[in-house]
Protein backbone atom coordinates (compact mmCIF):
# COMPACT_ATOMS: atom_id res chain seq x y z
CA UNK A 1 25.48 1.24 -6.68
CA UNK A 2 27.35 4.57 -6.87
CA UNK A 3 24.84 5.75 -9.47
CA UNK A 4 21.91 5.17 -7.11
CA UNK A 5 23.71 6.88 -4.23
CA UNK A 6 24.17 9.96 -6.42
CA UNK A 7 20.50 9.86 -7.47
CA UNK A 8 19.41 9.56 -3.85
CA UNK A 9 21.51 12.54 -2.83
CA UNK A 10 20.04 14.65 -5.62
CA UNK A 11 16.53 13.53 -4.65
CA UNK A 12 17.03 14.66 -1.06
CA UNK A 13 18.28 18.07 -2.19
CA UNK A 14 16.05 18.83 -5.18
CA UNK A 15 12.70 17.07 -4.64
CA UNK A 16 10.25 19.75 -3.54
CA UNK A 17 9.09 19.59 0.06
CA UNK A 18 5.38 19.68 0.85
CA UNK A 19 3.94 23.17 1.29
CA UNK A 20 2.23 24.11 4.52
CA UNK A 21 -1.16 24.32 2.77
CA UNK A 22 -0.95 20.81 1.30
CA UNK A 23 -2.67 17.96 3.14
CA UNK A 24 -0.69 15.31 4.96
CA UNK A 25 -0.38 12.01 3.16
CA UNK A 26 -0.76 8.45 4.36
CA UNK A 27 1.49 6.21 2.25
CA UNK A 28 -0.58 3.04 1.90
CA UNK A 29 2.01 0.94 0.06
CA UNK A 30 5.41 1.21 1.70
CA UNK A 31 8.12 -1.49 1.60
CA UNK A 32 11.18 -1.18 3.86
CA UNK A 33 12.88 -4.35 2.68
CA UNK A 34 15.83 -5.78 4.58
CA UNK A 35 16.56 -8.40 1.93
CA UNK A 36 19.25 -7.94 0.93
CA UNK A 37 19.59 -4.64 2.87
CA UNK A 38 17.77 -1.31 3.26
CA UNK A 39 18.38 1.35 0.63
CA UNK A 40 18.10 4.18 3.15
CA UNK A 41 18.85 4.03 6.85
CA UNK A 42 15.89 4.33 9.18
CA UNK A 43 16.83 7.93 10.04
CA UNK A 44 17.03 8.84 6.34
CA UNK A 45 13.61 7.27 5.73
CA UNK A 46 12.08 9.22 8.61
CA UNK A 47 13.66 12.45 7.30
CA UNK A 48 12.17 11.74 3.86
CA UNK A 49 8.71 11.34 5.40
CA UNK A 50 9.05 14.60 7.33
CA UNK A 51 10.13 16.49 4.21
CA UNK A 52 7.09 15.39 2.23
CA UNK A 53 4.55 15.58 5.07
CA UNK A 54 3.99 11.82 5.21
CA UNK A 55 2.25 11.39 8.54
CA UNK A 56 1.30 7.70 8.24
CA UNK A 57 2.46 4.59 6.43
CA UNK A 58 1.23 1.09 5.73
CA UNK A 59 4.53 -0.59 6.53
CA UNK A 60 5.67 -3.92 5.08
CA UNK A 61 9.05 -5.50 4.50
CA UNK A 62 10.81 -8.63 3.31
CA UNK A 63 11.44 -10.17 5.81
CA UNK A 64 9.28 -8.54 8.48
CA UNK A 65 12.28 -7.20 10.43
CA UNK A 66 12.15 -3.93 8.51
CA UNK A 67 8.54 -3.35 9.48
CA UNK A 68 9.29 -4.02 13.13
CA UNK A 69 12.19 -1.57 12.91
CA UNK A 70 9.88 1.20 11.67
CA UNK A 71 7.37 0.42 14.40
CA UNK A 72 10.13 0.67 16.99
CA UNK A 73 11.20 4.03 15.54
CA UNK A 74 7.71 5.51 15.69
CA UNK A 75 8.08 8.84 17.42
CA UNK A 76 4.70 10.52 17.70
CA UNK A 77 4.34 12.29 14.37
CA UNK A 78 4.59 9.21 12.14
CA UNK A 79 1.76 6.68 12.41
CA UNK A 80 3.01 3.22 11.44
CA UNK A 81 0.40 0.62 10.46
CA UNK A 82 2.29 -2.70 10.23
CA UNK A 83 1.27 -5.52 7.88
CA UNK A 84 2.63 -9.06 7.88
CA UNK A 85 4.47 -9.81 4.62
CA UNK A 86 4.16 -13.52 3.76
CA UNK A 87 7.68 -13.50 2.27
CA UNK A 88 11.04 -14.30 3.83
CA UNK A 89 12.98 -13.89 0.57
CA UNK A 90 11.95 -12.69 -2.88
CA UNK A 91 11.48 -16.24 -4.18
CA UNK A 92 8.52 -16.68 -1.80
CA UNK A 93 6.48 -14.44 -4.13
CA UNK A 94 6.01 -17.37 -6.47
CA UNK A 95 5.28 -20.09 -3.91
CA UNK A 96 3.78 -18.67 -0.71
CA UNK A 97 0.25 -19.73 -1.67
CA UNK A 98 1.25 -23.43 -1.58
CA UNK A 99 3.66 -23.29 1.33
CA UNK A 100 2.35 -24.27 4.80
CA UNK A 101 5.47 -22.78 6.41
CA UNK A 102 4.39 -19.35 5.15
CA UNK A 103 1.03 -19.74 6.85
CA UNK A 104 2.92 -20.65 10.04
CA UNK A 105 5.02 -17.50 9.55
CA UNK A 106 1.85 -15.38 9.33
CA UNK A 107 0.43 -16.93 12.51
CA UNK A 108 3.67 -16.61 14.48
CA UNK A 109 4.27 -13.05 13.30
CA UNK A 110 0.72 -12.09 14.27
CA UNK A 111 1.39 -13.44 17.77
CA UNK A 112 4.02 -10.72 18.25
CA UNK A 113 1.13 -8.25 18.40
CA UNK A 114 0.30 -4.96 16.73
CA UNK A 115 -0.26 -6.08 13.15
CA UNK A 116 -3.24 -4.70 11.22
CA UNK A 117 -3.11 -6.69 7.99
CA UNK A 118 -1.46 -9.28 5.74
CA UNK A 119 0.35 -8.37 2.54
CA UNK A 120 1.23 -7.06 0.12
CA UNK A 121 1.04 -10.51 -1.45
CA UNK A 122 1.07 -11.44 -5.14
CA UNK A 123 -1.59 -13.84 -6.36
CA UNK A 124 -3.09 -15.04 -9.64
CA UNK A 125 -6.44 -16.68 -10.28
CA UNK A 126 -4.65 -19.96 -11.00
CA UNK A 127 -3.39 -20.10 -7.41
CA UNK A 128 -6.18 -18.35 -5.55
CA UNK A 129 -8.07 -21.52 -4.58
CA UNK A 130 -5.24 -23.19 -2.68
CA UNK A 131 -5.80 -24.44 0.85
CA UNK A 132 -3.28 -21.99 2.26
CA UNK A 133 -4.81 -18.97 0.55
CA UNK A 134 -8.20 -19.94 1.98
CA UNK A 135 -6.71 -20.35 5.44
CA UNK A 136 -4.95 -16.99 5.18
CA UNK A 137 -8.18 -15.21 4.21
CA UNK A 138 -10.08 -16.86 7.06
CA UNK A 139 -7.26 -16.03 9.50
CA UNK A 140 -7.45 -12.39 8.44
CA UNK A 141 -11.21 -12.22 8.94
CA UNK A 142 -11.04 -13.99 12.31
CA UNK A 143 -8.43 -11.52 13.57
CA UNK A 144 -9.78 -8.31 12.00
CA UNK A 145 -6.85 -8.00 9.60
CA UNK A 146 -6.99 -6.26 6.22
CA UNK A 147 -5.59 -8.08 3.19
CA UNK A 148 -3.32 -6.20 0.76
CA UNK A 149 -3.54 -8.06 -2.54
CA UNK A 150 -1.53 -7.55 -5.73
CA UNK A 151 -4.02 -9.29 -8.02
CA UNK A 152 -6.34 -8.83 -10.97
CA UNK A 153 -10.07 -8.34 -10.61
CA UNK A 154 -10.89 -12.04 -11.11
CA UNK A 155 -8.51 -13.01 -8.30
CA UNK A 156 -9.92 -10.33 -5.99
CA UNK A 157 -13.37 -11.83 -6.51
CA UNK A 158 -12.07 -15.31 -5.68
CA UNK A 159 -10.58 -14.05 -2.43
CA UNK A 160 -13.93 -12.55 -1.50
CA UNK A 161 -15.71 -15.79 -2.36
CA UNK A 162 -13.49 -17.57 0.15
CA UNK A 163 -14.86 -15.30 2.84
CA UNK A 164 -17.28 -12.44 2.01
CA UNK A 165 -16.30 -10.70 5.25
CA UNK A 166 -12.75 -10.16 4.02
CA UNK A 167 -11.53 -6.56 3.80
CA UNK A 168 -9.12 -5.95 0.94
CA UNK A 169 -6.81 -3.17 -0.18
CA UNK A 170 -6.37 -3.74 -3.91
CA UNK A 171 -2.74 -2.95 -4.70
CA UNK A 172 -2.48 -0.92 -7.93
CA UNK A 173 -6.27 -1.11 -8.50
CA UNK A 174 -5.93 -3.36 -11.52
CA UNK A 175 -3.00 -1.47 -13.13
CA UNK A 176 -4.65 -0.69 -16.50
CA UNK A 177 -8.11 -2.12 -15.87
CA UNK A 178 -10.78 0.22 -17.31
CA UNK A 179 -12.15 2.73 -14.83
CA UNK A 180 -15.65 1.42 -15.53
CA UNK A 181 -14.66 -2.06 -14.30
CA UNK A 182 -13.01 -0.58 -11.21
CA UNK A 183 -16.28 1.23 -10.51
CA UNK A 184 -18.22 -2.01 -10.88
CA UNK A 185 -15.92 -3.71 -8.37
CA UNK A 186 -16.27 -0.90 -5.83
CA UNK A 187 -20.06 -0.92 -6.20
CA UNK A 188 -20.24 -4.68 -5.66
CA UNK A 189 -17.74 -5.03 -2.80
CA UNK A 190 -18.12 -2.45 -0.07
CA UNK A 191 -15.01 -3.54 1.86
CA UNK A 192 -12.68 -3.15 -1.11
CA UNK A 193 -10.34 -0.15 -1.43
CA UNK A 194 -8.17 0.75 -4.41
CA UNK A 195 -4.52 1.64 -3.79
CA UNK A 196 -3.16 3.69 -6.68
CA UNK A 197 0.58 3.11 -7.06
CA UNK A 198 1.50 2.26 -10.67
CA UNK A 199 -2.14 2.76 -11.65
CA UNK A 200 -2.37 3.82 -15.30
CA UNK A 201 -4.90 6.13 -16.90
CA UNK A 202 -5.50 8.46 -13.96
CA UNK A 203 -4.01 11.43 -15.77
CA UNK A 204 -3.49 12.53 -19.35
CA UNK A 205 -0.08 14.02 -18.86
CA UNK A 206 -0.61 15.97 -15.65
CA UNK A 207 -4.37 16.48 -16.06
CA UNK A 208 -6.83 14.22 -14.28
CA UNK A 209 -8.87 12.27 -16.84
CA UNK A 210 -12.67 12.74 -16.76
CA UNK A 211 -13.40 9.06 -16.04
CA UNK A 212 -11.04 8.92 -13.06
CA UNK A 213 -12.17 12.28 -11.72
CA UNK A 214 -15.74 10.97 -11.85
CA UNK A 215 -14.70 7.75 -10.11
CA UNK A 216 -12.94 9.63 -7.30
CA UNK A 217 -15.94 11.92 -6.79
CA UNK A 218 -18.39 8.98 -6.79
CA UNK A 219 -16.26 6.90 -4.42
CA UNK A 220 -14.23 9.40 -2.37
CA UNK A 221 -13.96 6.99 0.56
CA UNK A 222 -12.60 4.05 -1.43
CA UNK A 223 -9.12 5.07 -2.60
CA UNK A 224 -5.65 5.24 -1.05
CA UNK A 225 -2.29 6.36 -2.41
CA UNK A 226 1.09 4.69 -1.98
CA UNK A 227 4.68 4.83 -3.11
CA UNK A 228 5.42 1.08 -3.54
CA UNK A 229 9.11 1.35 -2.65
CA UNK A 230 9.83 -2.21 -3.79
CA UNK A 231 13.15 -1.34 -5.47
CA UNK A 232 15.88 1.22 -4.84
CA UNK A 233 14.73 3.41 -7.73
CA UNK A 234 11.39 4.00 -6.01
CA UNK A 235 13.15 5.23 -2.87
CA UNK A 236 15.41 7.44 -4.98
CA UNK A 237 12.39 9.04 -6.69
CA UNK A 238 10.15 9.16 -3.62
CA UNK A 239 9.72 12.93 -3.73
CA UNK A 240 8.67 12.85 -7.37
CA UNK A 241 6.14 10.08 -6.69
CA UNK A 242 4.51 12.09 -3.91
CA UNK A 243 4.60 15.30 -5.98
CA UNK A 244 2.75 13.52 -8.81
CA UNK A 245 0.00 12.50 -6.42
CA UNK A 246 -0.27 16.03 -5.07
CA UNK A 247 -0.52 17.34 -8.62
CA UNK A 248 -3.73 15.51 -9.44
CA UNK A 249 -5.16 15.61 -5.91
CA UNK A 250 -5.14 19.41 -6.25
CA UNK A 251 -7.54 19.05 -9.21
CA UNK A 252 -10.22 17.40 -7.04
CA UNK A 253 -12.69 18.99 -4.60
CA UNK A 254 -10.79 19.56 -1.38
CA UNK A 255 -12.85 17.10 0.66
CA UNK A 256 -12.26 14.35 -1.92
CA UNK A 257 -8.53 15.09 -2.10
CA UNK A 258 -8.20 15.04 1.69
CA UNK A 259 -10.06 11.73 1.92
CA UNK A 260 -7.77 10.06 -0.60
CA UNK A 261 -4.62 11.67 0.82
CA UNK A 262 -5.08 10.43 4.38
CA UNK A 263 -8.58 10.30 5.85
CA UNK A 264 -9.61 7.03 4.22
CA UNK A 265 -6.62 5.28 5.79
CA UNK A 266 -7.44 6.84 9.14
CA UNK A 267 -10.99 5.56 8.91
CA UNK A 268 -9.96 2.04 7.87
CA UNK A 269 -7.23 1.49 10.41
CA UNK A 270 -8.65 3.32 13.41
CA UNK A 271 -11.90 1.41 12.96
CA UNK A 272 -10.79 -1.60 14.97
CA UNK A 273 -8.52 0.13 17.49
C-alpha cells in the first residue's frame, strides 16, 4: 500500500498538467469504486480532473455509492454523467447476467433519478442470450439509457439483435480487433461508439498508425476516450494515461481531435436532456 501512496504522490507532482491550448477531455470510462474503498478521496479526484482539464466524466462505481458521491460533488465545471453499474461486489462480474436481483438493482437504482446509462458490464457471447440480459437491454431502450459493454464484436452484435434500438458504448473497442473489423461494425451499427481505453494498435510507439488515423478521420463522431480507473495503478498513472491520449490526438485534424476529446460525448449525452 505504501508503494502506491508514493507513486500517487509522484504522479500528482510530476504528471504534466494540460496546456491552455489543449482541448478539454471527457473521460468516458471512469470507475470510482468504493469496494473495498476509494484510492483517492473525492477532493483529490476532483483536483486531478482540474489539473488535466477533464471537464466531464462517464461515472461508474462498484457499488453505485461512489457514482452518487461524484454526482453530489459536481460543482459547475465538472459534468458528471452517471451510469448504473450492475455490480455490488467484484464477484458479480461473473454472474450478473443470470441474477434477477441484479436486474432489480438496475431498476431500483434508476428510480433514484439522473442516470444516463447502464454499465460498464462484462459479457461474453456464451451469456449474452440470457433472460436478464435481454431484459436489461430492453429496459435501457425503454428509458433512453446508453449501454456500456465490455464485450467482443460477436457479443455486441447479439446485444443489438435483442433490440436494434439499443445505443452502445463499446468499452475498449475490441481490444486488439483489427481496425478493418472495427470499421465494419461502425458502418453497420450507427448507434455504436468505440471507447478507446486499453485499445491496442492505435499507435506505433507514439505515432498514430495509418489504419487508425484513417478510421478516426472516416468516423470522427464515433469514438470516445477513457481512463478505465478499475484498479489503483490506473489512478496512480492517470496523468500519463491522459497525456498519451493527447499525444496522438495532436496528430489528427483539429476538428477530429476535438470531437474525440469531448464533443462526441457532449452530443451523445445532451441528446436526451
